[in-house]
C-alpha atoms as a PDB file:
ATOM      1  CA  MET A   1       0.000   0.000   0.000  1.00  0.00           C
ATOM      2  CA  SER A   2       1.510   3.321  -1.055  1.00  0.00           C
ATOM      3  CA  ILE A   3       1.357   6.252   1.354  1.00  0.00           C
ATOM      4  CA  PRO A   4       1.207   9.927   0.376  1.00  0.00           C
ATOM      5  CA  GLU A   5       3.688  12.643   1.309  1.00  0.00           C
ATOM      6  CA  THR A   6       0.958  14.862   2.754  1.00  0.00           C
ATOM      7  CA  TYR A   7      -2.502  14.335   4.194  1.00  0.00           C
ATOM      8  CA  LYS A   8      -5.477  16.357   5.446  1.00  0.00           C
ATOM      9  CA  ALA A   9      -6.218  16.880   9.122  1.00  0.00           C
ATOM     10  CA  PHE A  10      -8.180  19.174  11.430  1.00  0.00           C
ATOM     11  CA  ARG A  11      -6.659  21.232  14.227  1.00  0.00           C
ATOM     12  CA  ARG A  12      -8.214  23.277  17.026  1.00  0.00           C
ATOM     13  CA  THR A  13      -7.927  27.038  16.721  1.00  0.00           C
ATOM     14  CA  SER A  14      -6.410  29.142  19.507  1.00  0.00           C
ATOM     15  CA  GLY A  15      -7.582  32.318  21.199  1.00  0.00           C
ATOM     16  CA  ASP A  16     -10.881  33.182  22.832  1.00  0.00           C
ATOM     17  CA  TYR A  17     -13.667  30.666  23.380  1.00  0.00           C
ATOM     18  CA  PRO A  18     -15.650  29.332  21.698  1.00  0.00           C
ATOM     19  CA  ARG A  19     -13.055  27.972  19.295  1.00  0.00           C
ATOM     20  CA  THR A  20     -13.476  25.801  16.235  1.00  0.00           C
ATOM     21  CA  ILE A  21     -11.531  23.284  14.161  1.00  0.00           C
ATOM     22  CA  ILE A  22      -9.923  24.112  10.821  1.00  0.00           C
ATOM     23  CA  PRO A  23      -8.501  21.933   8.020  1.00  0.00           C
ATOM     24  CA  THR A  24      -4.730  21.704   7.656  1.00  0.00           C
ATOM     25  CA  THR A  25      -2.216  19.863   5.480  1.00  0.00           C
ATOM     26  CA  GLU A  26       0.317  17.721   7.342  1.00  0.00           C
ATOM     27  CA  GLN A  27       3.517  15.907   6.352  1.00  0.00           C
ATOM     28  CA  LEU A  28       3.813  12.131   6.502  1.00  0.00           C
ATOM     29  CA  PRO A  29       7.253  10.520   6.926  1.00  0.00           C
ATOM     30  CA  ARG A  30       8.567   8.344   4.117  1.00  0.00           C
ATOM     31  CA  GLU A  31       8.702   4.628   4.826  1.00  0.00           C
ATOM     32  CA  ARG A  32      12.508   4.748   5.023  1.00  0.00           C
ATOM     33  CA  GLU A  33      12.176   7.372   7.772  1.00  0.00           C
ATOM     34  CA  LEU A  34       9.987   5.224  10.041  1.00  0.00           C
ATOM     35  CA  GLY A  35      11.326   4.113  13.387  1.00  0.00           C
ATOM     36  CA  PRO A  36      11.608   0.341  13.923  1.00  0.00           C
ATOM     37  CA  HIS A  37       8.319   0.175  15.872  1.00  0.00           C
ATOM     38  CA  ASP A  38       6.382   2.824  13.906  1.00  0.00           C
ATOM     39  CA  VAL A  39       3.125   1.968  12.179  1.00  0.00           C
ATOM     40  CA  VAL A  40       1.492   4.213   9.550  1.00  0.00           C
ATOM     41  CA  LEU A  41      -2.292   4.174   9.869  1.00  0.00           C
ATOM     42  CA  LYS A  42      -4.768   5.007   7.121  1.00  0.00           C
ATOM     43  CA  ILE A  43      -7.722   6.296   9.133  1.00  0.00           C
ATOM     44  CA  HIS A  44     -11.152   5.370   7.784  1.00  0.00           C
ATOM     45  CA  ALA A  45     -13.540   6.638  10.473  1.00  0.00           C
ATOM     46  CA  VAL A  46     -13.455   8.717  13.672  1.00  0.00           C
ATOM     47  CA  SER A  47     -16.156   8.917  16.304  1.00  0.00           C
ATOM     48  CA  LEU A  48     -16.685  11.863  18.615  1.00  0.00           C
ATOM     49  CA  ASN A  49     -16.985  12.080  22.373  1.00  0.00           C
ATOM     50  CA  PHE A  50     -18.568  14.999  24.198  1.00  0.00           C
ATOM     51  CA  ARG A  51     -15.169  16.103  25.430  1.00  0.00           C
ATOM     52  CA  ASP A  52     -14.115  16.854  21.822  1.00  0.00           C
ATOM     53  CA  PRO A  53     -16.488  19.818  21.312  1.00  0.00           C
ATOM     54  CA  TRP A  54     -16.272  20.662  25.008  1.00  0.00           C
ATOM     55  CA  MET A  55     -12.576  21.524  24.532  1.00  0.00           C
ATOM     56  CA  LEU A  56     -13.668  24.156  22.006  1.00  0.00           C
ATOM     57  CA  HIS A  57     -16.040  25.828  24.459  1.00  0.00           C
ATOM     58  CA  GLY A  58     -13.730  26.166  27.457  1.00  0.00           C
ATOM     59  CA  GLY A  59     -13.910  24.662  30.906  1.00  0.00           C
ATOM     60  CA  TYR A  60     -12.627  21.206  30.002  1.00  0.00           C
ATOM     61  CA  PRO A  61     -10.857  20.115  33.223  1.00  0.00           C
ATOM     62  CA  ALA A  62      -7.774  18.411  31.783  1.00  0.00           C
ATOM     63  CA  ALA A  63      -4.688  19.265  29.737  1.00  0.00           C
ATOM     64  CA  VAL A  64      -5.210  20.103  26.050  1.00  0.00           C
ATOM     65  CA  ILE A  65      -2.594  20.872  23.385  1.00  0.00           C
ATOM     66  CA  ASP A  66      -3.218  24.379  22.094  1.00  0.00           C
ATOM     67  CA  GLY A  67      -3.896  24.025  18.371  1.00  0.00           C
ATOM     68  CA  GLY A  68      -3.687  20.235  18.573  1.00  0.00           C
ATOM     69  CA  ILE A  69      -5.399  17.594  16.449  1.00  0.00           C
ATOM     70  CA  PRO A  70      -8.612  16.553  18.240  1.00  0.00           C
ATOM     71  CA  CYS A  71     -10.351  13.197  18.812  1.00  0.00           C
ATOM     72  CA  SER A  72      -9.288   9.894  20.268  1.00  0.00           C
ATOM     73  CA  ASP A  73     -11.473   7.249  18.594  1.00  0.00           C
ATOM     74  CA  ALA A  74     -10.543   5.878  15.185  1.00  0.00           C
ATOM     75  CA  ALA A  75     -10.793   2.770  13.052  1.00  0.00           C
ATOM     76  CA  ALA A  76      -7.790   2.446  10.781  1.00  0.00           C
ATOM     77  CA  GLU A  77      -5.883   0.198   8.426  1.00  0.00           C
ATOM     78  CA  VAL A  78      -2.155  -0.517   8.651  1.00  0.00           C
ATOM     79  CA  ALA A  79      -0.519   1.163   5.646  1.00  0.00           C
ATOM     80  CA  ALA A  80       3.194   0.690   6.445  1.00  0.00           C
ATOM     81  CA  ILE A  81       5.299  -0.732   9.273  1.00  0.00           C
ATOM     82  CA  GLY A  82       8.765  -0.302  10.724  1.00  0.00           C
ATOM     83  CA  SER A  83      11.391  -3.031  10.605  1.00  0.00           C
ATOM     84  CA  ALA A  84      10.754  -4.371  14.132  1.00  0.00           C
ATOM     85  CA  VAL A  85       6.943  -4.558  14.037  1.00  0.00           C
ATOM     86  CA  LYS A  86       5.878  -8.177  14.586  1.00  0.00           C
ATOM     87  CA  ASP A  87       2.233  -8.158  15.714  1.00  0.00           C
ATOM     88  CA  PHE A  88       0.750  -6.105  12.872  1.00  0.00           C
ATOM     89  CA  ALA A  89       0.820  -6.452   9.095  1.00  0.00           C
ATOM     90  CA  ILE A  90      -0.158  -4.201   6.199  1.00  0.00           C
ATOM     91  CA  GLY A  91      -3.926  -4.323   5.788  1.00  0.00           C
ATOM     92  CA  ASP A  92      -4.714  -5.154   9.430  1.00  0.00           C
ATOM     93  CA  ARG A  93      -7.717  -3.386  11.000  1.00  0.00           C
ATOM     94  CA  VAL A  94      -6.526  -1.553  14.097  1.00  0.00           C
ATOM     95  CA  SER A  95      -7.162   1.242  16.545  1.00  0.00           C
ATOM     96  CA  VAL A  96      -5.082   3.244  19.025  1.00  0.00           C
ATOM     97  CA  THR A  97      -5.600   2.942  22.769  1.00  0.00           C
ATOM     98  CA  ILE A  98      -6.699   6.279  24.229  1.00  0.00           C
ATOM     99  CA  ASP A  99      -4.253   6.575  27.152  1.00  0.00           C
ATOM    100  CA  LEU A 100      -0.678   6.175  25.935  1.00  0.00           C
ATOM    101  CA  CYS A 101       0.523   5.634  29.512  1.00  0.00           C
ATOM    102  CA  ASN A 102      -1.988   2.906  30.390  1.00  0.00           C
ATOM    103  CA  LEU A 103      -1.257  -0.300  28.502  1.00  0.00           C
ATOM    104  CA  THR A 104      -1.763  -2.975  31.157  1.00  0.00           C
ATOM    105  CA  GLY A 105      -3.812  -1.227  33.840  1.00  0.00           C
ATOM    106  CA  TYR A 106      -0.945  -1.390  36.339  1.00  0.00           C
ATOM    107  CA  GLU A 107       1.089   1.642  35.255  1.00  0.00           C
ATOM    108  CA  ASP A 108       1.550   4.328  37.873  1.00  0.00           C
ATOM    109  CA  GLU A 109       1.801   7.361  35.620  1.00  0.00           C
ATOM    110  CA  PRO A 110      -0.525  10.274  34.827  1.00  0.00           C
ATOM    111  CA  PRO A 111      -2.655   9.702  31.708  1.00  0.00           C
ATOM    112  CA  VAL A 112      -1.534  10.977  28.305  1.00  0.00           C
ATOM    113  CA  VAL A 113      -4.730  11.105  26.293  1.00  0.00           C
ATOM    114  CA  LEU A 114      -5.222  11.180  22.521  1.00  0.00           C
ATOM    115  CA  GLY A 115      -6.898  14.347  21.334  1.00  0.00           C
ATOM    116  CA  GLY A 116      -6.095  16.133  24.599  1.00  0.00           C
ATOM    117  CA  ASP A 117      -2.473  16.291  25.735  1.00  0.00           C
ATOM    118  CA  ALA A 118      -1.414  14.057  22.810  1.00  0.00           C
ATOM    119  CA  GLU A 119      -2.143  14.670  19.135  1.00  0.00           C
ATOM    120  CA  GLY A 120      -5.436  13.056  18.151  1.00  0.00           C
ATOM    121  CA  VAL A 121      -6.818  11.125  15.203  1.00  0.00           C
ATOM    122  CA  LEU A 122      -9.026  13.515  13.198  1.00  0.00           C
ATOM    123  CA  ARG A 123      -6.804  13.113  10.140  1.00  0.00           C
ATOM    124  CA  GLU A 124      -6.357  10.903   7.108  1.00  0.00           C
ATOM    125  CA  TYR A 125      -3.089   9.304   8.249  1.00  0.00           C
ATOM    126  CA  ALA A 126      -1.185   8.972  11.518  1.00  0.00           C
ATOM    127  CA  VAL A 127       1.959   7.300  12.853  1.00  0.00           C
ATOM    128  CA  PHE A 128       1.979   5.482  16.200  1.00  0.00           C
ATOM    129  CA  GLU A 129       4.274   2.928  17.758  1.00  0.00           C
ATOM    130  CA  ASP A 130       2.975  -0.621  17.617  1.00  0.00           C
ATOM    131  CA  ARG A 131       2.711  -0.898  21.420  1.00  0.00           C
ATOM    132  CA  TYR A 132      -0.247   1.510  21.365  1.00  0.00           C
ATOM    133  CA  LEU A 133      -2.310  -0.455  18.826  1.00  0.00           C
ATOM    134  CA  VAL A 134      -5.033  -3.092  19.155  1.00  0.00           C
ATOM    135  CA  HIS A 135      -6.654  -5.353  16.561  1.00  0.00           C
ATOM    136  CA  LEU A 136     -10.312  -4.543  15.842  1.00  0.00           C
ATOM    137  CA  PRO A 137     -13.161  -7.082  15.571  1.00  0.00           C
ATOM    138  CA  LYS A 138     -13.435  -8.260  11.972  1.00  0.00           C
ATOM    139  CA  HIS A 139     -17.247  -8.264  11.766  1.00  0.00           C
ATOM    140  CA  LEU A 140     -17.653  -4.506  12.304  1.00  0.00           C
ATOM    141  CA  SER A 141     -17.759  -1.743   9.695  1.00  0.00           C
ATOM    142  CA  TRP A 142     -15.193   1.057   9.917  1.00  0.00           C
ATOM    143  CA  GLU A 143     -17.876   3.348  11.337  1.00  0.00           C
ATOM    144  CA  GLU A 144     -18.951   0.826  13.984  1.00  0.00           C
ATOM    145  CA  ALA A 145     -15.374  -0.003  14.965  1.00  0.00           C
ATOM    146  CA  SER A 146     -14.534   3.677  15.435  1.00  0.00           C
ATOM    147  CA  THR A 147     -16.916   3.879  18.418  1.00  0.00           C
ATOM    148  CA  ILE A 148     -15.069   1.460  20.709  1.00  0.00           C
ATOM    149  CA  THR A 149     -12.019   3.347  21.988  1.00  0.00           C
ATOM    150  CA  VAL A 150     -13.660   5.597  24.597  1.00  0.00           C
ATOM    151  CA  ALA A 151     -17.376   4.801  24.719  1.00  0.00           C
ATOM    152  CA  GLY A 152     -16.808   1.065  24.529  1.00  0.00           C
ATOM    153  CA  VAL A 153     -13.884   0.725  26.927  1.00  0.00           C
ATOM    154  CA  THR A 154     -15.491   3.155  29.390  1.00  0.00           C
ATOM    155  CA  ALA A 155     -18.762   1.201  29.283  1.00  0.00           C
ATOM    156  CA  TRP A 156     -16.853  -2.079  29.700  1.00  0.00           C
ATOM    157  CA  ASN A 157     -15.071  -0.816  32.818  1.00  0.00           C
ATOM    158  CA  ALA A 158     -18.228   0.816  34.175  1.00  0.00           C
ATOM    159  CA  LEU A 159     -19.816  -2.634  34.008  1.00  0.00           C
ATOM    160  CA  ASN A 160     -16.733  -3.891  35.859  1.00  0.00           C
ATOM    161  CA  GLY A 161     -15.558  -5.892  32.860  1.00  0.00           C
ATOM    162  CA  LEU A 162     -18.560  -8.189  33.507  1.00  0.00           C
ATOM    163  CA  LYS A 163     -16.720  -9.554  36.546  1.00  0.00           C
ATOM    164  CA  ALA A 164     -19.488  -8.591  38.989  1.00  0.00           C
ATOM    165  CA  ASN A 165     -22.044 -11.216  37.858  1.00  0.00           C
ATOM    166  CA  ALA A 166     -24.480  -8.369  37.368  1.00  0.00           C
ATOM    167  CA  ARG A 167     -28.141  -9.008  36.591  1.00  0.00           C
ATOM    168  CA  SER A 168     -29.240  -5.401  36.036  1.00  0.00           C
ATOM    169  CA  ALA A 169     -27.716  -1.996  35.352  1.00  0.00           C
ATOM    170  CA  LEU A 170     -29.031   1.571  35.401  1.00  0.00           C
ATOM    171  CA  LEU A 171     -27.562   3.679  32.581  1.00  0.00           C
ATOM    172  CA  GLN A 172     -27.853   7.459  32.681  1.00  0.00           C
ATOM    173  CA  GLY A 173     -28.751   9.213  29.432  1.00  0.00           C
ATOM    174  CA  THR A 174     -28.658   8.172  25.791  1.00  0.00           C
ATOM    175  CA  GLY A 175     -25.115   9.201  24.866  1.00  0.00           C
ATOM    176  CA  GLY A 176     -22.429   6.939  23.482  1.00  0.00           C
ATOM    177  CA  VAL A 177     -21.199   5.373  26.738  1.00  0.00           C
ATOM    178  CA  SER A 178     -24.693   4.543  27.980  1.00  0.00           C
ATOM    179  CA  LEU A 179     -25.759   3.051  24.650  1.00  0.00           C
ATOM    180  CA  PHE A 180     -22.561   1.040  24.367  1.00  0.00           C
ATOM    181  CA  ALA A 181     -23.185  -0.270  27.891  1.00  0.00           C
ATOM    182  CA  LEU A 182     -26.725  -1.153  26.850  1.00  0.00           C
ATOM    183  CA  LEU A 183     -25.463  -3.239  23.914  1.00  0.00           C
ATOM    184  CA  ILE A 184     -22.951  -5.004  26.169  1.00  0.00           C
ATOM    185  CA  CYS A 185     -25.721  -5.710  28.691  1.00  0.00           C
ATOM    186  CA  LEU A 186     -28.015  -7.168  26.036  1.00  0.00           C
ATOM    187  CA  ALA A 187     -25.223  -9.409  24.727  1.00  0.00           C
ATOM    188  CA  ALA A 188     -24.323 -10.569  28.258  1.00  0.00           C
ATOM    189  CA  GLY A 189     -27.869 -11.185  29.491  1.00  0.00           C
ATOM    190  CA  ILE A 190     -27.903  -8.222  31.888  1.00  0.00           C
ATOM    191  CA  ARG A 191     -31.174  -6.273  32.123  1.00  0.00           C
ATOM    192  CA  PRO A 192     -30.519  -2.607  31.219  1.00  0.00           C
ATOM    193  CA  ILE A 193     -32.578   0.314  32.498  1.00  0.00           C
ATOM    194  CA  ILE A 194     -31.862   3.617  30.764  1.00  0.00           C
ATOM    195  CA  THR A 195     -32.848   7.179  31.660  1.00  0.00           C
ATOM    196  CA  SER A 196     -33.582  10.260  29.576  1.00  0.00           C
ATOM    197  CA  SER A 197     -35.635  13.451  29.715  1.00  0.00           C
ATOM    198  CA  SER A 198     -37.098  12.651  26.274  1.00  0.00           C
ATOM    199  CA  ASP A 199     -39.873  10.104  25.724  1.00  0.00           C
ATOM    200  CA  LYS A 200     -38.995  10.142  22.020  1.00  0.00           C
ATOM    201  CA  LYS A 201     -35.425   9.052  22.765  1.00  0.00           C
ATOM    202  CA  LEU A 202     -36.640   6.365  25.158  1.00  0.00           C
ATOM    203  CA  GLU A 203     -38.986   5.002  22.501  1.00  0.00           C
ATOM    204  CA  GLN A 204     -36.005   4.736  20.137  1.00  0.00           C
ATOM    205  CA  ILE A 205     -34.025   2.892  22.800  1.00  0.00           C
ATOM    206  CA  GLN A 206     -36.748   0.330  23.429  1.00  0.00           C
ATOM    207  CA  ARG A 207     -36.564  -0.745  19.787  1.00  0.00           C
ATOM    208  CA  LEU A 208     -33.020  -2.019  20.355  1.00  0.00           C
ATOM    209  CA  GLY A 209     -34.088  -5.111  22.274  1.00  0.00           C
ATOM    210  CA  SER A 210     -36.658  -6.727  24.517  1.00  0.00           C
ATOM    211  CA  GLY A 211     -36.623  -6.211  28.262  1.00  0.00           C
ATOM    212  CA  ILE A 212     -35.090  -2.721  28.256  1.00  0.00           C
ATOM    213  CA  GLY A 213     -36.452  -0.625  31.104  1.00  0.00           C
ATOM    214  CA  THR A 214     -36.815   3.127  30.657  1.00  0.00           C
ATOM    215  CA  ILE A 215     -37.254   6.077  33.020  1.00  0.00           C
ATOM    216  CA  ASN A 216     -37.993   9.676  32.063  1.00  0.00           C
ATOM    217  CA  TYR A 217     -36.243  11.499  34.884  1.00  0.00           C
ATOM    218  CA  LYS A 218     -38.196  14.698  34.165  1.00  0.00           C
ATOM    219  CA  THR A 219     -41.613  13.115  34.666  1.00  0.00           C
ATOM    220  CA  VAL A 220     -40.815  10.387  37.229  1.00  0.00           C
ATOM    221  CA  SER A 221     -40.463  12.154  40.583  1.00  0.00           C
ATOM    222  CA  ASP A 222     -39.335   9.110  42.599  1.00  0.00           C
ATOM    223  CA  GLN A 223     -36.724   7.376  40.471  1.00  0.00           C
ATOM    224  CA  ALA A 224     -35.579   5.074  43.272  1.00  0.00           C
ATOM    225  CA  SER A 225     -39.086   3.603  43.597  1.00  0.00           C
ATOM    226  CA  GLU A 226     -39.298   3.187  39.826  1.00  0.00           C
ATOM    227  CA  VAL A 227     -35.953   1.391  39.754  1.00  0.00           C
ATOM    228  CA  LYS A 228     -37.185  -0.945  42.487  1.00  0.00           C
ATOM    229  CA  ARG A 229     -40.402  -1.573  40.549  1.00  0.00           C
ATOM    230  CA  LEU A 230     -38.453  -2.459  37.406  1.00  0.00           C
ATOM    231  CA  THR A 231     -36.199  -4.863  39.335  1.00  0.00           C
ATOM    232  CA  ASP A 232     -38.871  -6.691  41.374  1.00  0.00           C
ATOM    233  CA  GLY A 233     -38.023  -4.692  44.465  1.00  0.00           C
ATOM    234  CA  LYS A 234     -34.306  -5.504  44.455  1.00  0.00           C
ATOM    235  CA  GLY A 235     -32.528  -2.484  42.956  1.00  0.00           C
ATOM    236  CA  VAL A 236     -29.785  -2.639  40.328  1.00  0.00           C
ATOM    237  CA  ASP A 237     -26.326  -4.158  40.544  1.00  0.00           C
ATOM    238  CA  ILE A 238     -24.566  -1.309  38.714  1.00  0.00           C
ATOM    239  CA  VAL A 239     -25.269   2.390  38.146  1.00  0.00           C
ATOM    240  CA  LEU A 240     -23.443   4.097  35.291  1.00  0.00           C
ATOM    241  CA  ASN A 241     -23.168   7.751  36.323  1.00  0.00           C
ATOM    242  CA  ASN A 242     -22.095  10.165  33.584  1.00  0.00           C
ATOM    243  CA  SER A 243     -23.638  13.285  35.129  1.00  0.00           C
ATOM    244  CA  GLY A 244     -21.119  13.841  37.924  1.00  0.00           C
ATOM    245  CA  PRO A 245     -20.577  13.720  41.682  1.00  0.00           C
ATOM    246  CA  ALA A 246     -23.766  15.555  42.691  1.00  0.00           C
ATOM    247  CA  SER A 247     -26.020  12.593  41.917  1.00  0.00           C
ATOM    248  CA  ILE A 248     -23.974   9.905  43.657  1.00  0.00           C
ATOM    249  CA  PRO A 249     -26.148   9.827  46.828  1.00  0.00           C
ATOM    250  CA  GLU A 250     -29.218   9.208  44.665  1.00  0.00           C
ATOM    251  CA  ASP A 251     -27.283   6.613  42.641  1.00  0.00           C
ATOM    252  CA  ILE A 252     -26.579   4.679  45.851  1.00  0.00           C
ATOM    253  CA  SER A 253     -30.323   4.557  46.528  1.00  0.00           C
ATOM    254  CA  PHE A 254     -30.803   2.737  43.212  1.00  0.00           C
ATOM    255  CA  LEU A 255     -28.463  -0.099  44.210  1.00  0.00           C
ATOM    256  CA  ARG A 256     -29.423  -3.521  45.518  1.00  0.00           C
ATOM    257  CA  GLN A 257     -29.099  -4.114  49.249  1.00  0.00           C
ATOM    258  CA  ARG A 258     -25.588  -5.613  49.132  1.00  0.00           C
ATOM    259  CA  GLY A 259     -22.578  -5.346  46.878  1.00  0.00           C
ATOM    260  CA  GLY A 260     -23.640  -2.909  44.165  1.00  0.00           C
ATOM    261  CA  ILE A 261     -21.377  -0.593  42.199  1.00  0.00           C
ATOM    262  CA  VAL A 262     -21.702   3.076  41.207  1.00  0.00           C
ATOM    263  CA  SER A 263     -19.374   3.729  38.268  1.00  0.00           C
ATOM    264  CA  LEU A 264     -18.547   7.413  37.827  1.00  0.00           C
ATOM    265  CA  VAL A 265     -17.636   7.888  34.162  1.00  0.00           C
ATOM    266  CA  GLY A 266     -18.259  11.590  33.478  1.00  0.00           C
ATOM    267  CA  PHE A 267     -19.385  14.972  34.726  1.00  0.00           C
ATOM    268  CA  LEU A 268     -21.822  16.341  32.167  1.00  0.00           C
ATOM    269  CA  ALA A 269     -23.727  18.139  34.939  1.00  0.00           C
ATOM    270  CA  GLY A 270     -20.570  19.580  36.492  1.00  0.00           C
ATOM    271  CA  THR A 271     -17.835  18.559  38.902  1.00  0.00           C
ATOM    272  CA  ASN A 272     -19.353  19.786  42.176  1.00  0.00           C
ATOM    273  CA  GLY A 273     -21.192  17.667  44.729  1.00  0.00           C
ATOM    274  CA  ASP A 274     -22.520  18.621  48.159  1.00  0.00           C
ATOM    275  CA  TRP A 275     -22.799  15.331  50.019  1.00  0.00           C
ATOM    276  CA  GLU A 276     -24.353  14.742  53.398  1.00  0.00           C
ATOM    277  CA  PRO A 277     -22.507  12.288  55.669  1.00  0.00           C
ATOM    278  CA  SER A 278     -25.508   9.958  55.396  1.00  0.00           C
ATOM    279  CA  ALA A 279     -24.706   9.468  51.690  1.00  0.00           C
ATOM    280  CA  VAL A 280     -21.308   8.028  52.554  1.00  0.00           C
ATOM    281  CA  LEU A 281     -22.857   5.851  55.260  1.00  0.00           C
ATOM    282  CA  ALA A 282     -25.336   4.478  52.713  1.00  0.00           C
ATOM    283  CA  LEU A 283     -22.378   3.373  50.580  1.00  0.00           C
ATOM    284  CA  MET A 284     -20.970   1.536  53.597  1.00  0.00           C
ATOM    285  CA  PHE A 285     -24.224  -0.037  54.794  1.00  0.00           C
ATOM    286  CA  LYS A 286     -24.942  -1.391  51.308  1.00  0.00           C
ATOM    287  CA  PHE A 287     -21.434  -2.895  51.037  1.00  0.00           C
ATOM    288  CA  ALA A 288     -21.275  -0.885  47.797  1.00  0.00           C
ATOM    289  CA  LYS A 289     -18.344   0.380  45.762  1.00  0.00           C
ATOM    290  CA  LEU A 290     -17.699   3.703  44.063  1.00  0.00           C
ATOM    291  CA  ASN A 291     -15.839   2.898  40.843  1.00  0.00           C
ATOM    292  CA  GLY A 292     -13.982   5.732  39.121  1.00  0.00           C
ATOM    293  CA  VAL A 293     -13.632   5.112  35.377  1.00  0.00           C
ATOM    294  CA  LEU A 294     -11.484   7.168  33.021  1.00  0.00           C
ATOM    295  CA  GLY A 295     -11.482   5.118  29.821  1.00  0.00           C
ATOM    296  CA  GLY A 296      -9.260   2.113  30.381  1.00  0.00           C
ATOM    297  CA  SER A 297      -6.072   0.321  29.486  1.00  0.00           C
ATOM    298  CA  LYS A 298      -4.952  -1.279  26.254  1.00  0.00           C
ATOM    299  CA  GLN A 299      -5.627  -4.644  27.882  1.00  0.00           C
ATOM    300  CA  ASP A 300      -9.205  -3.575  28.666  1.00  0.00           C
ATOM    301  CA  TYR A 301      -9.589  -2.640  24.991  1.00  0.00           C
ATOM    302  CA  ILE A 302      -8.328  -6.071  23.934  1.00  0.00           C
ATOM    303  CA  ASP A 303     -10.685  -7.831  26.374  1.00  0.00           C
ATOM    304  CA  LEU A 304     -13.685  -5.856  25.120  1.00  0.00           C
ATOM    305  CA  ASN A 305     -12.837  -6.521  21.461  1.00  0.00           C
ATOM    306  CA  ARG A 306     -12.639 -10.237  22.245  1.00  0.00           C
ATOM    307  CA  PHE A 307     -16.107 -10.080  23.865  1.00  0.00           C
ATOM    308  CA  LEU A 308     -17.587  -8.155  20.919  1.00  0.00           C
ATOM    309  CA  GLU A 309     -16.154 -10.658  18.446  1.00  0.00           C
ATOM    310  CA  GLU A 310     -17.228 -13.736  20.408  1.00  0.00           C
ATOM    311  CA  LYS A 311     -20.778 -12.428  20.822  1.00  0.00           C
ATOM    312  CA  LYS A 312     -20.840 -10.932  17.294  1.00  0.00           C
ATOM    313  CA  VAL A 313     -22.250  -7.731  18.781  1.00  0.00           C
ATOM    314  CA  SER A 314     -23.547  -5.306  16.152  1.00  0.00           C
ATOM    315  CA  LEU A 315     -22.696  -1.697  16.941  1.00  0.00           C
ATOM    316  CA  SER A 316     -24.814  -0.209  14.152  1.00  0.00           C
ATOM    317  CA  PRO A 317     -27.646   0.717  16.600  1.00  0.00           C
ATOM    318  CA  LEU A 318     -25.082   2.858  18.411  1.00  0.00           C
ATOM    319  CA  ILE A 319     -24.525   5.234  15.488  1.00  0.00           C
ATOM    320  CA  ASP A 320     -26.785   8.266  15.387  1.00  0.00           C
ATOM    321  CA  ARG A 321     -25.324  10.072  12.373  1.00  0.00           C
ATOM    322  CA  VAL A 322     -22.318   9.928  10.027  1.00  0.00           C
ATOM    323  CA  PHE A 323     -20.700  13.112   8.675  1.00  0.00           C
ATOM    324  CA  ALA A 324     -18.279  13.474   5.753  1.00  0.00           C
ATOM    325  CA  PHE A 325     -14.708  14.421   6.683  1.00  0.00           C
ATOM    326  CA  ASP A 326     -15.019  17.953   5.321  1.00  0.00           C
ATOM    327  CA  LYS A 327     -18.127  18.446   7.503  1.00  0.00           C
ATOM    328  CA  ALA A 328     -16.249  17.716  10.738  1.00  0.00           C
ATOM    329  CA  PRO A 329     -17.009  21.167  12.260  1.00  0.00           C
ATOM    330  CA  ALA A 330     -20.728  20.529  11.759  1.00  0.00           C
ATOM    331  CA  ALA A 331     -20.352  17.132  13.458  1.00  0.00           C
ATOM    332  CA  PHE A 332     -18.822  18.848  16.504  1.00  0.00           C
ATOM    333  CA  GLU A 333     -21.690  21.351  16.647  1.00  0.00           C
ATOM    334  CA  TYR A 334     -24.312  18.614  16.289  1.00  0.00           C
ATOM    335  CA  LEU A 335     -22.859  16.588  19.162  1.00  0.00           C
ATOM    336  CA  TYR A 336     -22.538  19.651  21.394  1.00  0.00           C
ATOM    337  CA  SER A 337     -26.213  20.510  20.770  1.00  0.00           C
ATOM    338  CA  GLY A 338     -27.298  17.301  22.529  1.00  0.00           C
ATOM    339  CA  SER A 339     -29.647  16.282  19.725  1.00  0.00           C
ATOM    340  CA  HIS A 340     -27.984  12.899  19.227  1.00  0.00           C
ATOM    341  CA  VAL A 341     -28.915   9.440  20.491  1.00  0.00           C
ATOM    342  CA  GLY A 342     -25.688   7.444  20.523  1.00  0.00           C
ATOM    343  CA  LYS A 343     -22.487   8.136  18.599  1.00  0.00           C
ATOM    344  CA  VAL A 344     -21.637  10.778  16.020  1.00  0.00           C
ATOM    345  CA  VAL A 345     -19.150   9.460  13.454  1.00  0.00           C
ATOM    346  CA  ILE A 346     -16.982  11.182  10.843  1.00  0.00           C
ATOM    347  CA  LYS A 347     -16.176   9.120   7.757  1.00  0.00           C
ATOM    348  CA  VAL A 348     -12.627  10.148   6.905  1.00  0.00           C
ATOM    349  CA  GLN A 349     -12.030   8.114   3.722  1.00  0.00           C
ATOM    350  CA  GLU A 350     -12.912   4.820   2.042  1.00  0.00           C
END
């Protein structure tokens, strides 16, 4: 496979907020210039996470390269390899793990995150060392496979890698992580209950499979009672919290009597939380765990891909809308508007 000398990419602008992304032309090293472990990736599709447009609007609470290439989630094809690359061959379907300092889950280093404090993947080609790459499930389209890196691995870890023998899970909202968790639950035989403020969105969700419970948190005043009703009085085994710390006391009330897990995966409603001591005591008296999830390791990514391939999980229901590469700014605006149900994908090239 021949590789070009230059390729198209998008970079964040600098200056006052809100910012935008603009197209640029980048240089690609010649094959003779590759390091022994370098792999050239031809990127076919990129999916967005809420943090991608959030970085353009200010207030994102982590390090971001000024003027950097955004996005962390891509499905790509190996276009060229360095002399020492053994585990990947030209034509392989691959992706890049999001945290370049978290390969096994046992590293003790601060995260270095694609699209934030490392250059991201919203570009036609990229070069990464082979140690950062994973093989993608063969049964997925490029667009489907591009959704796994953050939404999938985060959902997988929020569900405790399916190690908790869960029977039910409460998933907050209809964004990418919650919908990915829903698909994992359906494939694993776990009963999902999903929340939204939109009956229309909940109706869409119920078409994805039988046995999905739904709660409109705007119209249901006592969510804890509704969760109990939907679980025959028991409560759920896992709560996936993507709203932030403020709702954790209520999340604990949704849990079963012993051994449940609240997985904190985001902070869409902010980073503040005013807890009463009784909230902490409830965590103790329920023998529950508070599980902080920030993506996951390369090994988590590999484990999830193995599960998706074994179960032949289709990720097409996860995709809300696909934008052409040159419409990437519009994709960012659409995701930031909150109109989506699931993942927003950018098709970079065939």
